[in-house]
Amino acid sequence: MTNRKQHIADVALQLFGDKGFENTSTQLIAKAAGVSEALIFKHFGSKDQLLEFVIRNGYKRIIEDNRGGLAEADPLAFIYSVIELPYKLVQAEPHFWKLQYRLADSEMARQQHERFMKPVPSLLREAFKKLAYADPDKETELLLLLVEALWKMEATKTEEHGREMLDFIKGKYAQQ
């Protein structure tokens, strides 16, 4: 991939995250990237294809950067790492997660997120079983709901006490 193509994608990611996909024109991206609008279409075909590239590329990068991150053998440490995931990932890629949050209605973005999270529920269930929780399935569902809420808080920065909430949730599991 050319550096210029990646530069366009990086600029688009930042603008899509800040302004939203609908409110970001290819003209605006071209101007911010210092390229012609024609070059965007040459590399990506359309604004929708540019968005798809940005999302797929983002998840690919995140998966590569976090390989082994869910391989924690200790069940409580694994649960903690899942709770930390939104905080850790949003810190590393704030524009990507802000965009992902804005794209909650996008089927493509949702599919990419589900593919990324696919191994987590069964691994959580196993961790809760090892810790002898009465209902590992419900605990898994609850924790995943909490993690999604933490993700939203981090991605949108609507809650100033995100880190405190994260530690509070971790404390709940430590008391089991």
C-alpha atoms as a PDB file:
ATOM      1  CA  MET A   1       0.000   0.000   0.000  1.00  0.00           C
ATOM      2  CA  THR A   2       1.285   3.425  -0.855  1.00  0.00           C
ATOM      3  CA  ASN A   3       2.106   5.927   1.849  1.00  0.00           C
ATOM      4  CA  ARG A   4      -0.263   8.377   0.173  1.00  0.00           C
ATOM      5  CA  LYS A   5      -3.173   5.909   0.318  1.00  0.00           C
ATOM      6  CA  GLN A   6      -2.491   5.286   4.022  1.00  0.00           C
ATOM      7  CA  HIS A   7      -2.203   9.037   4.630  1.00  0.00           C
ATOM      8  CA  ILE A   8      -5.628   9.592   3.022  1.00  0.00           C
ATOM      9  CA  ALA A   9      -7.088   6.789   5.164  1.00  0.00           C
ATOM     10  CA  ASP A  10      -5.545   8.268   8.338  1.00  0.00           C
ATOM     11  CA  VAL A  11      -6.932  11.730   7.588  1.00  0.00           C
ATOM     12  CA  ALA A  12     -10.346  10.239   6.740  1.00  0.00           C
ATOM     13  CA  LEU A  13     -10.361   8.289  10.016  1.00  0.00           C
ATOM     14  CA  GLN A  14      -9.704  11.448  12.014  1.00  0.00           C
ATOM     15  CA  LEU A  15     -12.353  13.470  10.155  1.00  0.00           C
ATOM     16  CA  PHE A  16     -14.950  10.669  10.235  1.00  0.00           C
ATOM     17  CA  GLY A  17     -14.336  10.281  13.978  1.00  0.00           C
ATOM     18  CA  ASP A  18     -14.587  14.016  14.680  1.00  0.00           C
ATOM     19  CA  LYS A  19     -17.364  15.053  12.294  1.00  0.00           C
ATOM     20  CA  GLY A  20     -19.124  11.788  11.458  1.00  0.00           C
ATOM     21  CA  PHE A  21     -19.186   9.960   8.134  1.00  0.00           C
ATOM     22  CA  GLU A  22     -22.230  11.831   6.786  1.00  0.00           C
ATOM     23  CA  ASN A  23     -20.751  15.244   7.618  1.00  0.00           C
ATOM     24  CA  THR A  24     -17.362  14.575   6.027  1.00  0.00           C
ATOM     25  CA  SER A  25     -17.106  15.141   2.278  1.00  0.00           C
ATOM     26  CA  THR A  26     -14.390  13.660   0.084  1.00  0.00           C
ATOM     27  CA  GLN A  27     -13.563  17.277  -0.788  1.00  0.00           C
ATOM     28  CA  LEU A  28     -12.861  17.971   2.902  1.00  0.00           C
ATOM     29  CA  ILE A  29     -10.724  14.826   3.185  1.00  0.00           C
ATOM     30  CA  ALA A  30      -8.771  15.776   0.058  1.00  0.00           C
ATOM     31  CA  LYS A  31      -8.112  19.284   1.366  1.00  0.00           C
ATOM     32  CA  ALA A  32      -7.025  18.036   4.822  1.00  0.00           C
ATOM     33  CA  ALA A  33      -4.814  15.333   3.276  1.00  0.00           C
ATOM     34  CA  GLY A  34      -3.289  17.740   0.754  1.00  0.00           C
ATOM     35  CA  VAL A  35      -4.327  15.613  -2.229  1.00  0.00           C
ATOM     36  CA  SER A  36      -6.822  15.884  -5.059  1.00  0.00           C
ATOM     37  CA  GLU A  37     -10.317  14.491  -4.640  1.00  0.00           C
ATOM     38  CA  ALA A  38      -9.669  12.419  -7.799  1.00  0.00           C
ATOM     39  CA  LEU A  39      -6.819  10.637  -6.010  1.00  0.00           C
ATOM     40  CA  ILE A  40      -9.206   9.534  -3.238  1.00  0.00           C
ATOM     41  CA  PHE A  41     -11.511   7.998  -5.847  1.00  0.00           C
ATOM     42  CA  LYS A  42      -8.530   6.439  -7.660  1.00  0.00           C
ATOM     43  CA  HIS A  43      -7.393   4.694  -4.452  1.00  0.00           C
ATOM     44  CA  PHE A  44     -10.762   3.861  -2.893  1.00  0.00           C
ATOM     45  CA  GLY A  45     -13.472   4.087  -5.576  1.00  0.00           C
ATOM     46  CA  SER A  46     -16.028   5.805  -3.329  1.00  0.00           C
ATOM     47  CA  LYS A  47     -16.484   7.390   0.081  1.00  0.00           C
ATOM     48  CA  ASP A  48     -18.237   4.212   1.280  1.00  0.00           C
ATOM     49  CA  GLN A  49     -15.299   2.080   0.163  1.00  0.00           C
ATOM     50  CA  LEU A  50     -12.930   4.489   1.919  1.00  0.00           C
ATOM     51  CA  LEU A  51     -14.950   4.047   5.121  1.00  0.00           C
ATOM     52  CA  GLU A  52     -14.882   0.266   4.749  1.00  0.00           C
ATOM     53  CA  PHE A  53     -11.105   0.376   4.237  1.00  0.00           C
ATOM     54  CA  VAL A  54     -10.695   2.565   7.350  1.00  0.00           C
ATOM     55  CA  ILE A  55     -12.796   0.179   9.496  1.00  0.00           C
ATOM     56  CA  ARG A  56     -11.202  -3.050   8.239  1.00  0.00           C
ATOM     57  CA  ASN A  57      -7.716  -1.576   8.472  1.00  0.00           C
ATOM     58  CA  GLY A  58      -8.424  -0.309  11.994  1.00  0.00           C
ATOM     59  CA  TYR A  59      -9.502  -3.712  13.264  1.00  0.00           C
ATOM     60  CA  LYS A  60      -6.568  -5.380  11.526  1.00  0.00           C
ATOM     61  CA  ARG A  61      -4.188  -2.959  13.259  1.00  0.00           C
ATOM     62  CA  ILE A  62      -5.896  -3.421  16.639  1.00  0.00           C
ATOM     63  CA  ILE A  63      -5.808  -7.214  16.376  1.00  0.00           C
ATOM     64  CA  GLU A  64      -2.099  -7.139  15.444  1.00  0.00           C
ATOM     65  CA  ASP A  65      -1.300  -4.724  18.285  1.00  0.00           C
ATOM     66  CA  ASN A  66      -3.165  -6.830  20.849  1.00  0.00           C
ATOM     67  CA  ARG A  67      -2.162 -10.367  19.893  1.00  0.00           C
ATOM     68  CA  GLY A  68      -1.949 -12.513  22.977  1.00  0.00           C
ATOM     69  CA  GLY A  69      -3.776  -9.910  25.039  1.00  0.00           C
ATOM     70  CA  LEU A  70      -6.615 -12.325  25.710  1.00  0.00           C
ATOM     71  CA  ALA A  71      -4.355 -15.295  26.405  1.00  0.00           C
ATOM     72  CA  GLU A  72      -4.307 -14.656  30.165  1.00  0.00           C
ATOM     73  CA  ALA A  73      -4.404 -18.028  31.976  1.00  0.00           C
ATOM     74  CA  ASP A  74      -5.460 -16.733  35.402  1.00  0.00           C
ATOM     75  CA  PRO A  75      -9.286 -16.407  35.278  1.00  0.00           C
ATOM     76  CA  LEU A  76      -9.550 -13.244  37.394  1.00  0.00           C
ATOM     77  CA  ALA A  77      -6.685 -11.584  35.490  1.00  0.00           C
ATOM     78  CA  PHE A  78      -8.481 -12.480  32.239  1.00  0.00           C
ATOM     79  CA  ILE A  79     -11.726 -10.895  33.481  1.00  0.00           C
ATOM     80  CA  TYR A  80      -9.756  -7.783  34.435  1.00  0.00           C
ATOM     81  CA  SER A  81      -8.133  -7.658  30.986  1.00  0.00           C
ATOM     82  CA  VAL A  82     -11.586  -7.749  29.360  1.00  0.00           C
ATOM     83  CA  ILE A  83     -12.758  -4.926  31.642  1.00  0.00           C
ATOM     84  CA  GLU A  84      -9.609  -2.931  30.711  1.00  0.00           C
ATOM     85  CA  LEU A  85     -10.051  -3.561  26.980  1.00  0.00           C
ATOM     86  CA  PRO A  86     -12.190  -0.501  26.134  1.00  0.00           C
ATOM     87  CA  TYR A  87      -9.923   1.840  28.099  1.00  0.00           C
ATOM     88  CA  LYS A  88      -6.750   0.375  26.634  1.00  0.00           C
ATOM     89  CA  LEU A  89      -7.993   0.298  23.039  1.00  0.00           C
ATOM     90  CA  VAL A  90      -9.576   3.765  23.052  1.00  0.00           C
ATOM     91  CA  GLN A  91      -6.379   5.240  24.517  1.00  0.00           C
ATOM     92  CA  ALA A  92      -4.411   3.721  21.621  1.00  0.00           C
ATOM     93  CA  GLU A  93      -6.914   4.568  18.838  1.00  0.00           C
ATOM     94  CA  PRO A  94      -9.297   7.345  19.984  1.00  0.00           C
ATOM     95  CA  HIS A  95     -10.443   8.403  16.486  1.00  0.00           C
ATOM     96  CA  PHE A  96     -11.112   4.825  15.421  1.00  0.00           C
ATOM     97  CA  TRP A  97     -13.319   4.081  18.435  1.00  0.00           C
ATOM     98  CA  LYS A  98     -15.135   7.406  18.202  1.00  0.00           C
ATOM     99  CA  LEU A  99     -15.898   6.536  14.574  1.00  0.00           C
ATOM    100  CA  GLN A 100     -16.925   3.002  15.513  1.00  0.00           C
ATOM    101  CA  TYR A 101     -19.340   4.411  18.086  1.00  0.00           C
ATOM    102  CA  ARG A 102     -20.769   6.847  15.513  1.00  0.00           C
ATOM    103  CA  LEU A 103     -21.304   3.902  13.143  1.00  0.00           C
ATOM    104  CA  ALA A 104     -23.510   1.936  15.541  1.00  0.00           C
ATOM    105  CA  ASP A 105     -26.133   1.593  12.791  1.00  0.00           C
ATOM    106  CA  SER A 106     -23.677   0.379  10.152  1.00  0.00           C
ATOM    107  CA  GLU A 107     -23.977  -3.339   9.422  1.00  0.00           C
ATOM    108  CA  MET A 108     -20.390  -3.516   8.121  1.00  0.00           C
ATOM    109  CA  ALA A 109     -18.951  -1.813  11.222  1.00  0.00           C
ATOM    110  CA  ARG A 110     -21.032  -4.017  13.525  1.00  0.00           C
ATOM    111  CA  GLN A 111     -19.876  -7.186  11.728  1.00  0.00           C
ATOM    112  CA  GLN A 112     -16.234  -6.161  12.049  1.00  0.00           C
ATOM    113  CA  HIS A 113     -16.712  -5.478  15.769  1.00  0.00           C
ATOM    114  CA  GLU A 114     -18.472  -8.818  16.323  1.00  0.00           C
ATOM    115  CA  ARG A 115     -15.661 -10.621  14.496  1.00  0.00           C
ATOM    116  CA  PHE A 116     -13.123  -8.842  16.709  1.00  0.00           C
ATOM    117  CA  MET A 117     -15.010  -9.767  19.908  1.00  0.00           C
ATOM    118  CA  LYS A 118     -15.953 -13.312  18.817  1.00  0.00           C
ATOM    119  CA  PRO A 119     -13.528 -15.265  21.067  1.00  0.00           C
ATOM    120  CA  VAL A 120     -14.312 -13.232  24.190  1.00  0.00           C
ATOM    121  CA  PRO A 121     -17.683 -14.669  25.391  1.00  0.00           C
ATOM    122  CA  SER A 122     -16.561 -18.302  25.487  1.00  0.00           C
ATOM    123  CA  LEU A 123     -13.273 -17.350  27.180  1.00  0.00           C
ATOM    124  CA  LEU A 124     -15.180 -15.291  29.767  1.00  0.00           C
ATOM    125  CA  ARG A 125     -17.607 -18.156  30.399  1.00  0.00           C
ATOM    126  CA  GLU A 126     -14.645 -20.453  31.078  1.00  0.00           C
ATOM    127  CA  ALA A 127     -13.088 -17.908  33.449  1.00  0.00           C
ATOM    128  CA  PHE A 128     -16.348 -17.584  35.410  1.00  0.00           C
ATOM    129  CA  LYS A 129     -16.635 -21.408  35.568  1.00  0.00           C
ATOM    130  CA  LYS A 130     -13.067 -21.678  36.918  1.00  0.00           C
ATOM    131  CA  LEU A 131     -13.940 -19.096  39.571  1.00  0.00           C
ATOM    132  CA  ALA A 132     -17.045 -21.165  40.477  1.00  0.00           C
ATOM    133  CA  TYR A 133     -19.644 -18.491  39.658  1.00  0.00           C
ATOM    134  CA  ALA A 134     -23.194 -19.861  39.966  1.00  0.00           C
ATOM    135  CA  ASP A 135     -24.282 -18.736  36.470  1.00  0.00           C
ATOM    136  CA  PRO A 136     -21.275 -18.206  34.149  1.00  0.00           C
ATOM    137  CA  ASP A 137     -23.558 -17.484  31.155  1.00  0.00           C
ATOM    138  CA  LYS A 138     -25.364 -14.602  32.881  1.00  0.00           C
ATOM    139  CA  GLU A 139     -22.097 -13.269  34.339  1.00  0.00           C
ATOM    140  CA  THR A 140     -20.631 -13.258  30.821  1.00  0.00           C
ATOM    141  CA  GLU A 141     -23.654 -11.406  29.418  1.00  0.00           C
ATOM    142  CA  LEU A 142     -23.545  -8.858  32.233  1.00  0.00           C
ATOM    143  CA  LEU A 143     -19.835  -8.198  31.902  1.00  0.00           C
ATOM    144  CA  LEU A 144     -20.104  -7.804  28.118  1.00  0.00           C
ATOM    145  CA  LEU A 145     -22.907  -5.260  28.597  1.00  0.00           C
ATOM    146  CA  LEU A 146     -20.716  -3.359  31.076  1.00  0.00           C
ATOM    147  CA  VAL A 147     -17.753  -3.505  28.689  1.00  0.00           C
ATOM    148  CA  GLU A 148     -19.885  -2.102  25.834  1.00  0.00           C
ATOM    149  CA  ALA A 149     -21.010   0.732  28.137  1.00  0.00           C
ATOM    150  CA  LEU A 150     -17.390   1.431  29.144  1.00  0.00           C
ATOM    151  CA  TRP A 151     -16.459   1.485  25.455  1.00  0.00           C
ATOM    152  CA  LYS A 152     -19.167   4.044  24.738  1.00  0.00           C
ATOM    153  CA  MET A 153     -18.052   6.193  27.689  1.00  0.00           C
ATOM    154  CA  GLU A 154     -14.413   6.065  26.620  1.00  0.00           C
ATOM    155  CA  ALA A 155     -15.050   6.580  22.894  1.00  0.00           C
ATOM    156  CA  THR A 156     -17.328   9.567  23.424  1.00  0.00           C
ATOM    157  CA  LYS A 157     -15.690  10.852  26.617  1.00  0.00           C
ATOM    158  CA  THR A 158     -19.167  11.478  28.034  1.00  0.00           C
ATOM    159  CA  GLU A 159     -18.099  10.278  31.472  1.00  0.00           C
ATOM    160  CA  GLU A 160     -15.149  11.880  33.250  1.00  0.00           C
ATOM    161  CA  HIS A 161     -14.933   9.085  35.791  1.00  0.00           C
ATOM    162  CA  GLY A 162     -14.415   6.245  33.294  1.00  0.00           C
ATOM    163  CA  ARG A 163     -11.257   5.030  34.999  1.00  0.00           C
ATOM    164  CA  GLU A 164     -12.961   5.112  38.417  1.00  0.00           C
ATOM    165  CA  MET A 165     -15.889   3.091  37.049  1.00  0.00           C
ATOM    166  CA  LEU A 166     -13.475   0.596  35.534  1.00  0.00           C
ATOM    167  CA  ASP A 167     -11.751   0.113  38.896  1.00  0.00           C
ATOM    168  CA  PHE A 168     -15.131  -0.111  40.656  1.00  0.00           C
ATOM    169  CA  ILE A 169     -16.245  -2.902  38.306  1.00  0.00           C
ATOM    170  CA  LYS A 170     -12.950  -4.742  38.815  1.00  0.00           C
ATOM    171  CA  GLY A 171     -13.487  -4.464  42.573  1.00  0.00           C
ATOM    172  CA  LYS A 172     -16.862  -6.212  42.233  1.00  0.00           C
ATOM    173  CA  TYR A 173     -15.188  -9.274  40.769  1.00  0.00           C
ATOM    174  CA  ALA A 174     -12.382  -9.283  43.321  1.00  0.00           C
ATOM    175  CA  GLN A 175     -14.977  -9.684  46.100  1.00  0.00           C
ATOM    176  CA  GLN A 176     -16.477 -12.890  44.657  1.00  0.00           C
END
